[in-house]
Amino acid sequence: MDIIIFLAIGALAGWLAGTFMKGRGFGLLGNIAVGIVGSVVGGFVFSLIGISAVGMVGSIVTATAGAVLLLYVVGLIKK
């Protein structure tokens, strides 16, 4: 059950990141994949700076921040 919640949060985060980063997204399915990978990136980055996600909202914020960061970096590499 935890993996389903993880995938759902990643999908929501990818959609939110695609909305925030207009022009840097990869379409709906691509942004969902970026959100899933971004949730891992966000958790890693937040743990480095000493912030931990608490609850569902914290997980969504962490995953969205990671997905936005990932979209930004991928956008820089694509240029």
PDB file of N, CA and C in Angstrom:
ATOM      1  N   MET A   1       0.826  -1.190   0.000  1.00  0.00           N
ATOM      2  CA  MET A   1       0.000   0.000   0.000  1.00  0.00           C
ATOM      3  C   MET A   1       0.873   1.259   0.000  1.00  0.00           C
ATOM      4  N   ASP A   2       2.025   1.214   0.662  1.00  0.00           N
ATOM      5  CA  ASP A   2       2.896   2.382   0.727  1.00  0.00           C
ATOM      6  C   ASP A   2       3.407   2.788  -0.648  1.00  0.00           C
ATOM      7  N   ILE A   3       3.659   1.816  -1.515  1.00  0.00           N
ATOM      8  CA  ILE A   3       4.168   2.126  -2.844  1.00  0.00           C
ATOM      9  C   ILE A   3       3.100   2.848  -3.666  1.00  0.00           C
ATOM     10  N   ILE A   4       1.846   2.510  -3.467  1.00  0.00           N
ATOM     11  CA  ILE A   4       0.758   3.186  -4.187  1.00  0.00           C
ATOM     12  C   ILE A   4       0.665   4.638  -3.741  1.00  0.00           C
ATOM     13  N   ILE A   5       0.803   4.880  -2.456  1.00  0.00           N
ATOM     14  CA  ILE A   5       0.777   6.249  -1.935  1.00  0.00           C
ATOM     15  C   ILE A   5       1.985   7.026  -2.452  1.00  0.00           C
ATOM     16  N   PHE A   6       3.147   6.381  -2.472  1.00  0.00           N
ATOM     17  CA  PHE A   6       4.364   7.010  -2.998  1.00  0.00           C
ATOM     18  C   PHE A   6       4.182   7.407  -4.467  1.00  0.00           C
ATOM     19  N   LEU A   7       3.626   6.519  -5.266  1.00  0.00           N
ATOM     20  CA  LEU A   7       3.399   6.813  -6.684  1.00  0.00           C
ATOM     21  C   LEU A   7       2.360   7.911  -6.871  1.00  0.00           C
ATOM     22  N   ALA A   8       1.324   7.914  -6.051  1.00  0.00           N
ATOM     23  CA  ALA A   8       0.298   8.953  -6.148  1.00  0.00           C
ATOM     24  C   ALA A   8       0.863  10.319  -5.782  1.00  0.00           C
ATOM     25  N   ILE A   9       1.672  10.377  -4.739  1.00  0.00           N
ATOM     26  CA  ILE A   9       2.297  11.648  -4.349  1.00  0.00           C
ATOM     27  C   ILE A   9       3.256  12.109  -5.441  1.00  0.00           C
ATOM     28  N   GLY A  10       4.020  11.190  -6.003  1.00  0.00           N
ATOM     29  CA  GLY A  10       4.927  11.536  -7.092  1.00  0.00           C
ATOM     30  C   GLY A  10       4.182  12.052  -8.311  1.00  0.00           C
ATOM     31  N   ALA A  11       3.064  11.421  -8.641  1.00  0.00           N
ATOM     32  CA  ALA A  11       2.266  11.871  -9.785  1.00  0.00           C
ATOM     33  C   ALA A  11       1.708  13.279  -9.542  1.00  0.00           C
ATOM     34  N   LEU A  12       1.200  13.518  -8.351  1.00  0.00           N
ATOM     35  CA  LEU A  12       0.688  14.846  -8.014  1.00  0.00           C
ATOM     36  C   LEU A  12       1.806  15.879  -8.032  1.00  0.00           C
ATOM     37  N   ALA A  13       2.950  15.519  -7.497  1.00  0.00           N
ATOM     38  CA  ALA A  13       4.099  16.431  -7.483  1.00  0.00           C
ATOM     39  C   ALA A  13       4.564  16.749  -8.890  1.00  0.00           C
ATOM     40  N   GLY A  14       4.589  15.759  -9.765  1.00  0.00           N
ATOM     41  CA  GLY A  14       4.981  15.992 -11.151  1.00  0.00           C
ATOM     42  C   GLY A  14       4.028  16.916 -11.867  1.00  0.00           C
ATOM     43  N   TRP A  15       2.751  16.731 -11.623  1.00  0.00           N
ATOM     44  CA  TRP A  15       1.754  17.610 -12.234  1.00  0.00           C
ATOM     45  C   TRP A  15       1.912  19.039 -11.710  1.00  0.00           C
ATOM     46  N   LEU A  16       2.103  19.189 -10.402  1.00  0.00           N
ATOM     47  CA  LEU A  16       2.291  20.519  -9.822  1.00  0.00           C
ATOM     48  C   LEU A  16       3.570  21.173 -10.338  1.00  0.00           C
ATOM     49  N   ALA A  17       4.640  20.413 -10.425  1.00  0.00           N
ATOM     50  CA  ALA A  17       5.910  20.953 -10.920  1.00  0.00           C
ATOM     51  C   ALA A  17       5.784  21.387 -12.371  1.00  0.00           C
ATOM     52  N   GLY A  18       5.083  20.603 -13.187  1.00  0.00           N
ATOM     53  CA  GLY A  18       4.849  20.987 -14.578  1.00  0.00           C
ATOM     54  C   GLY A  18       4.037  22.263 -14.681  1.00  0.00           C
ATOM     55  N   THR A  19       3.115  22.450 -13.747  1.00  0.00           N
ATOM     56  CA  THR A  19       2.309  23.674 -13.715  1.00  0.00           C
ATOM     57  C   THR A  19       3.160  24.877 -13.286  1.00  0.00           C
ATOM     58  N   PHE A  20       4.016  24.693 -12.289  1.00  0.00           N
ATOM     59  CA  PHE A  20       4.871  25.772 -11.806  1.00  0.00           C
ATOM     60  C   PHE A  20       5.938  26.161 -12.828  1.00  0.00           C
ATOM     61  N   MET A  21       6.485  25.188 -13.514  1.00  0.00           N
ATOM     62  CA  MET A  21       7.592  25.410 -14.448  1.00  0.00           C
ATOM     63  C   MET A  21       7.071  25.443 -15.884  1.00  0.00           C
ATOM     64  N   LYS A  22       6.238  26.390 -16.193  1.00  0.00           N
ATOM     65  CA  LYS A  22       5.659  26.501 -17.536  1.00  0.00           C
ATOM     66  C   LYS A  22       6.762  26.507 -18.579  1.00  0.00           C
ATOM     67  N   GLY A  23       6.574  25.705 -19.619  1.00  0.00           N
ATOM     68  CA  GLY A  23       7.547  25.649 -20.705  1.00  0.00           C
ATOM     69  C   GLY A  23       8.702  24.706 -20.445  1.00  0.00           C
ATOM     70  N   ARG A  24       8.786  24.106 -19.274  1.00  0.00           N
ATOM     71  CA  ARG A  24       9.887  23.194 -18.953  1.00  0.00           C
ATOM     72  C   ARG A  24       9.398  21.780 -18.705  1.00  0.00           C
ATOM     73  N   GLY A  25       8.121  21.544 -18.916  1.00  0.00           N
ATOM     74  CA  GLY A  25       7.566  20.227 -18.646  1.00  0.00           C
ATOM     75  C   GLY A  25       7.766  19.274 -19.809  1.00  0.00           C
ATOM     76  N   PHE A  26       7.331  18.038 -19.600  1.00  0.00           N
ATOM     77  CA  PHE A  26       7.480  16.980 -20.598  1.00  0.00           C
ATOM     78  C   PHE A  26       6.141  16.358 -20.938  1.00  0.00           C
ATOM     79  N   GLY A  27       5.081  17.084 -20.760  1.00  0.00           N
ATOM     80  CA  GLY A  27       3.763  16.513 -20.970  1.00  0.00           C
ATOM     81  C   GLY A  27       3.284  15.823 -19.705  1.00  0.00           C
ATOM     82  N   LEU A  28       2.068  15.370 -19.737  1.00  0.00           N
ATOM     83  CA  LEU A  28       1.459  14.808 -18.532  1.00  0.00           C
ATOM     84  C   LEU A  28       2.201  13.575 -18.026  1.00  0.00           C
ATOM     85  N   LEU A  29       2.414  12.591 -18.877  1.00  0.00           N
ATOM     86  CA  LEU A  29       3.075  11.364 -18.422  1.00  0.00           C
ATOM     87  C   LEU A  29       4.530  11.597 -18.053  1.00  0.00           C
ATOM     88  N   GLY A  30       5.206  12.450 -18.808  1.00  0.00           N
ATOM     89  CA  GLY A  30       6.597  12.777 -18.491  1.00  0.00           C
ATOM     90  C   GLY A  30       6.712  13.492 -17.162  1.00  0.00           C
ATOM     91  N   ASN A  31       5.792  14.418 -16.897  1.00  0.00           N
ATOM     92  CA  ASN A  31       5.821  15.140 -15.623  1.00  0.00           C
ATOM     93  C   ASN A  31       5.498  14.221 -14.448  1.00  0.00           C
ATOM     94  N   ILE A  32       4.648  13.237 -14.671  1.00  0.00           N
ATOM     95  CA  ILE A  32       4.366  12.272 -13.604  1.00  0.00           C
ATOM     96  C   ILE A  32       5.624  11.474 -13.281  1.00  0.00           C
ATOM     97  N   ALA A  33       6.332  11.041 -14.321  1.00  0.00           N
ATOM     98  CA  ALA A  33       7.590  10.315 -14.094  1.00  0.00           C
ATOM     99  C   ALA A  33       8.609  11.205 -13.395  1.00  0.00           C
ATOM    100  N   VAL A  34       8.688  12.463 -13.820  1.00  0.00           N
ATOM    101  CA  VAL A  34       9.601  13.410 -13.171  1.00  0.00           C
ATOM    102  C   VAL A  34       9.200  13.612 -11.712  1.00  0.00           C
ATOM    103  N   GLY A  35       7.916  13.622 -11.437  1.00  0.00           N
ATOM    104  CA  GLY A  35       7.444  13.783 -10.063  1.00  0.00           C
ATOM    105  C   GLY A  35       7.833  12.618  -9.182  1.00  0.00           C
ATOM    106  N   ILE A  36       7.778  11.421  -9.735  1.00  0.00           N
ATOM    107  CA  ILE A  36       8.153  10.241  -8.955  1.00  0.00           C
ATOM    108  C   ILE A  36       9.645  10.267  -8.656  1.00  0.00           C
ATOM    109  N   VAL A  37      10.459  10.577  -9.661  1.00  0.00           N
ATOM    110  CA  VAL A  37      11.908  10.686  -9.434  1.00  0.00           C
ATOM    111  C   VAL A  37      12.198  11.900  -8.554  1.00  0.00           C
ATOM    112  N   GLY A  38      11.477  12.994  -8.783  1.00  0.00           N
ATOM    113  CA  GLY A  38      11.674  14.214  -8.002  1.00  0.00           C
ATOM    114  C   GLY A  38      11.344  14.033  -6.538  1.00  0.00           C
ATOM    115  N   SER A  39      10.425  13.131  -6.222  1.00  0.00           N
ATOM    116  CA  SER A  39      10.113  12.905  -4.810  1.00  0.00           C
ATOM    117  C   SER A  39      11.310  12.292  -4.087  1.00  0.00           C
ATOM    118  N   VAL A  40      12.037  11.454  -4.788  1.00  0.00           N
ATOM    119  CA  VAL A  40      13.264  10.889  -4.201  1.00  0.00           C
ATOM    120  C   VAL A  40      14.322  11.985  -4.060  1.00  0.00           C
ATOM    121  N   VAL A  41      14.469  12.802  -5.114  1.00  0.00           N
ATOM    122  CA  VAL A  41      15.436  13.906  -5.092  1.00  0.00           C
ATOM    123  C   VAL A  41      15.088  14.894  -3.983  1.00  0.00           C
ATOM    124  N   GLY A  42      13.821  15.248  -3.873  1.00  0.00           N
ATOM    125  CA  GLY A  42      13.386  16.190  -2.840  1.00  0.00           C
ATOM    126  C   GLY A  42      13.643  15.666  -1.443  1.00  0.00           C
ATOM    127  N   GLY A  43      13.369  14.392  -1.222  1.00  0.00           N
ATOM    128  CA  GLY A  43      13.642  13.793   0.088  1.00  0.00           C
ATOM    129  C   GLY A  43      15.117  13.811   0.417  1.00  0.00           C
ATOM    130  N   PHE A  44      15.957  13.546  -0.587  1.00  0.00           N
ATOM    131  CA  PHE A  44      17.403  13.557  -0.376  1.00  0.00           C
ATOM    132  C   PHE A  44      17.901  14.973  -0.063  1.00  0.00           C
ATOM    133  N   VAL A  45      17.472  15.945  -0.871  1.00  0.00           N
ATOM    134  CA  VAL A  45      17.921  17.334  -0.679  1.00  0.00           C
ATOM    135  C   VAL A  45      17.429  17.871   0.665  1.00  0.00           C
ATOM    136  N   PHE A  46      16.164  17.614   0.985  1.00  0.00           N
ATOM    137  CA  PHE A  46      15.641  18.107   2.255  1.00  0.00           C
ATOM    138  C   PHE A  46      16.346  17.459   3.440  1.00  0.00           C
ATOM    139  N   SER A  47      16.716  16.194   3.317  1.00  0.00           N
ATOM    140  CA  SER A  47      17.430  15.546   4.426  1.00  0.00           C
ATOM    141  C   SER A  47      18.836  16.120   4.588  1.00  0.00           C
ATOM    142  N   LEU A  48      19.441  16.557   3.483  1.00  0.00           N
ATOM    143  CA  LEU A  48      20.764  17.180   3.571  1.00  0.00           C
ATOM    144  C   LEU A  48      20.730  18.491   4.345  1.00  0.00           C
ATOM    145  N   ILE A  49      19.640  19.237   4.202  1.00  0.00           N
ATOM    146  CA  ILE A  49      19.555  20.517   4.905  1.00  0.00           C
ATOM    147  C   ILE A  49      18.828  20.391   6.246  1.00  0.00           C
ATOM    148  N   GLY A  50      18.474  19.161   6.619  1.00  0.00           N
ATOM    149  CA  GLY A  50      17.921  18.922   7.945  1.00  0.00           C
ATOM    150  C   GLY A  50      16.424  19.108   8.077  1.00  0.00           C
ATOM    151  N   ILE A  51      15.702  19.057   6.970  1.00  0.00           N
ATOM    152  CA  ILE A  51      14.247  19.198   7.007  1.00  0.00           C
ATOM    153  C   ILE A  51      13.633  17.842   6.701  1.00  0.00           C
ATOM    154  N   SER A  52      12.651  17.451   7.497  1.00  0.00           N
ATOM    155  CA  SER A  52      11.970  16.189   7.226  1.00  0.00           C
ATOM    156  C   SER A  52      10.492  16.464   6.963  1.00  0.00           C
ATOM    157  N   ALA A  53       9.929  15.715   6.031  1.00  0.00           N
ATOM    158  CA  ALA A  53       8.522  15.865   5.683  1.00  0.00           C
ATOM    159  C   ALA A  53       7.670  15.221   6.765  1.00  0.00           C
ATOM    160  N   VAL A  54       6.656  15.952   7.199  1.00  0.00           N
ATOM    161  CA  VAL A  54       5.749  15.443   8.216  1.00  0.00           C
ATOM    162  C   VAL A  54       4.351  15.384   7.609  1.00  0.00           C
ATOM    163  N   GLY A  55       3.795  14.211   7.543  1.00  0.00           N
ATOM    164  CA  GLY A  55       2.431  14.048   7.056  1.00  0.00           C
ATOM    165  C   GLY A  55       2.341  14.072   5.537  1.00  0.00           C
ATOM    166  N   MET A  56       1.121  13.990   5.069  1.00  0.00           N
ATOM    167  CA  MET A  56       0.858  13.938   3.636  1.00  0.00           C
ATOM    168  C   MET A  56       1.209  15.253   2.951  1.00  0.00           C
ATOM    169  N   VAL A  57       0.858  16.370   3.552  1.00  0.00           N
ATOM    170  CA  VAL A  57       1.151  17.679   2.944  1.00  0.00           C
ATOM    171  C   VAL A  57       2.654  17.897   2.871  1.00  0.00           C
ATOM    172  N   GLY A  58       3.379  17.540   3.896  1.00  0.00           N
ATOM    173  CA  GLY A  58       4.836  17.667   3.884  1.00  0.00           C
ATOM    174  C   GLY A  58       5.464  16.818   2.794  1.00  0.00           C
ATOM    175  N   SER A  59       4.928  15.631   2.595  1.00  0.00           N
ATOM    176  CA  SER A  59       5.437  14.759   1.534  1.00  0.00           C
ATOM    177  C   SER A  59       5.173  15.348   0.160  1.00  0.00           C
ATOM    178  N   ILE A  60       4.006  15.935  -0.024  1.00  0.00           N
ATOM    179  CA  ILE A  60       3.674  16.557  -1.314  1.00  0.00           C
ATOM    180  C   ILE A  60       4.567  17.757  -1.571  1.00  0.00           C
ATOM    181  N   VAL A  61       4.796  18.573  -0.550  1.00  0.00           N
ATOM    182  CA  VAL A  61       5.672  19.741  -0.704  1.00  0.00           C
ATOM    183  C   VAL A  61       7.100  19.298  -1.023  1.00  0.00           C
ATOM    184  N   THR A  62       7.587  18.308  -0.320  1.00  0.00           N
ATOM    185  CA  THR A  62       8.937  17.801  -0.566  1.00  0.00           C
ATOM    186  C   THR A  62       9.067  17.238  -1.979  1.00  0.00           C
ATOM    187  N   ALA A  63       8.106  16.438  -2.380  1.00  0.00           N
ATOM    188  CA  ALA A  63       8.139  15.835  -3.712  1.00  0.00           C
ATOM    189  C   ALA A  63       8.028  16.895  -4.806  1.00  0.00           C
ATOM    190  N   THR A  64       7.185  17.889  -4.597  1.00  0.00           N
ATOM    191  CA  THR A  64       7.030  18.955  -5.588  1.00  0.00           C
ATOM    192  C   THR A  64       8.307  19.772  -5.700  1.00  0.00           C
ATOM    193  N   ALA A  65       8.920  20.090  -4.574  1.00  0.00           N
ATOM    194  CA  ALA A  65      10.182  20.831  -4.608  1.00  0.00           C
ATOM    195  C   ALA A  65      11.260  20.042  -5.345  1.00  0.00           C
ATOM    196  N   GLY A  66      11.328  18.742  -5.098  1.00  0.00           N
ATOM    197  CA  GLY A  66      12.295  17.903  -5.798  1.00  0.00           C
ATOM    198  C   GLY A  66      12.011  17.829  -7.286  1.00  0.00           C
ATOM    199  N   ALA A  67      10.745  17.746  -7.663  1.00  0.00           N
ATOM    200  CA  ALA A  67      10.376  17.689  -9.077  1.00  0.00           C
ATOM    201  C   ALA A  67      10.670  19.006  -9.779  1.00  0.00           C
ATOM    202  N   VAL A  68      10.408  20.126  -9.107  1.00  0.00           N
ATOM    203  CA  VAL A  68      10.744  21.439  -9.687  1.00  0.00           C
ATOM    204  C   VAL A  68      12.243  21.553  -9.883  1.00  0.00           C
ATOM    205  N   LEU A  69      13.008  21.129  -8.891  1.00  0.00           N
ATOM    206  CA  LEU A  69      14.468  21.150  -8.997  1.00  0.00           C
ATOM    207  C   LEU A  69      14.935  20.269 -10.147  1.00  0.00           C
ATOM    208  N   LEU A  70      14.359  19.100 -10.259  1.00  0.00           N
ATOM    209  CA  LEU A  70      14.725  18.182 -11.336  1.00  0.00           C
ATOM    210  C   LEU A  70      14.372  18.759 -12.706  1.00  0.00           C
ATOM    211  N   LEU A  71      13.191  19.353 -12.846  1.00  0.00           N
ATOM    212  CA  LEU A  71      12.815  19.984 -14.113  1.00  0.00           C
ATOM    213  C   LEU A  71      13.744  21.136 -14.459  1.00  0.00           C
ATOM    214  N   TYR A  72      14.144  21.893 -13.448  1.00  0.00           N
ATOM    215  CA  TYR A  72      15.068  23.005 -13.671  1.00  0.00           C
ATOM    216  C   TYR A  72      16.413  22.517 -14.185  1.00  0.00           C
ATOM    217  N   VAL A  73      16.967  21.490 -13.532  1.00  0.00           N
ATOM    218  CA  VAL A  73      18.264  20.946 -13.931  1.00  0.00           C
ATOM    219  C   VAL A  73      18.186  20.322 -15.323  1.00  0.00           C
ATOM    220  N   VAL A  74      17.136  19.573 -15.586  1.00  0.00           N
ATOM    221  CA  VAL A  74      16.980  18.971 -16.908  1.00  0.00           C
ATOM    222  C   VAL A  74      16.822  20.052 -17.974  1.00  0.00           C
ATOM    223  N   GLY A  75      16.114  21.125 -17.641  1.00  0.00           N
ATOM    224  CA  GLY A  75      15.981  22.251 -18.569  1.00  0.00           C
ATOM    225  C   GLY A  75      17.317  22.896 -18.878  1.00  0.00           C
ATOM    226  N   LEU A  76      18.181  23.006 -17.874  1.00  0.00           N
ATOM    227  CA  LEU A  76      19.523  23.559 -18.102  1.00  0.00           C
ATOM    228  C   LEU A  76      20.359  22.645 -18.985  1.00  0.00           C
ATOM    229  N   ILE A  77      20.229  21.350 -18.781  1.00  0.00           N
ATOM    230  CA  ILE A  77      21.004  20.394 -19.563  1.00  0.00           C
ATOM    231  C   ILE A  77      20.525  20.369 -21.007  1.00  0.00           C
ATOM    232  N   LYS A  78      19.224  20.502 -21.225  1.00  0.00           N
ATOM    233  CA  LYS A  78      18.674  20.461 -22.577  1.00  0.00           C
ATOM    234  C   LYS A  78      19.120  21.636 -23.436  1.00  0.00           C
ATOM    235  N   LYS A  79      19.486  22.753 -22.813  1.00  0.00           N
ATOM    236  CA  LYS A  79      19.893  23.952 -23.565  1.00  0.00           C
ATOM    237  C   LYS A  79      21.204  23.772 -24.160  1.00  0.00           C
TER     238      LYS A  79
END
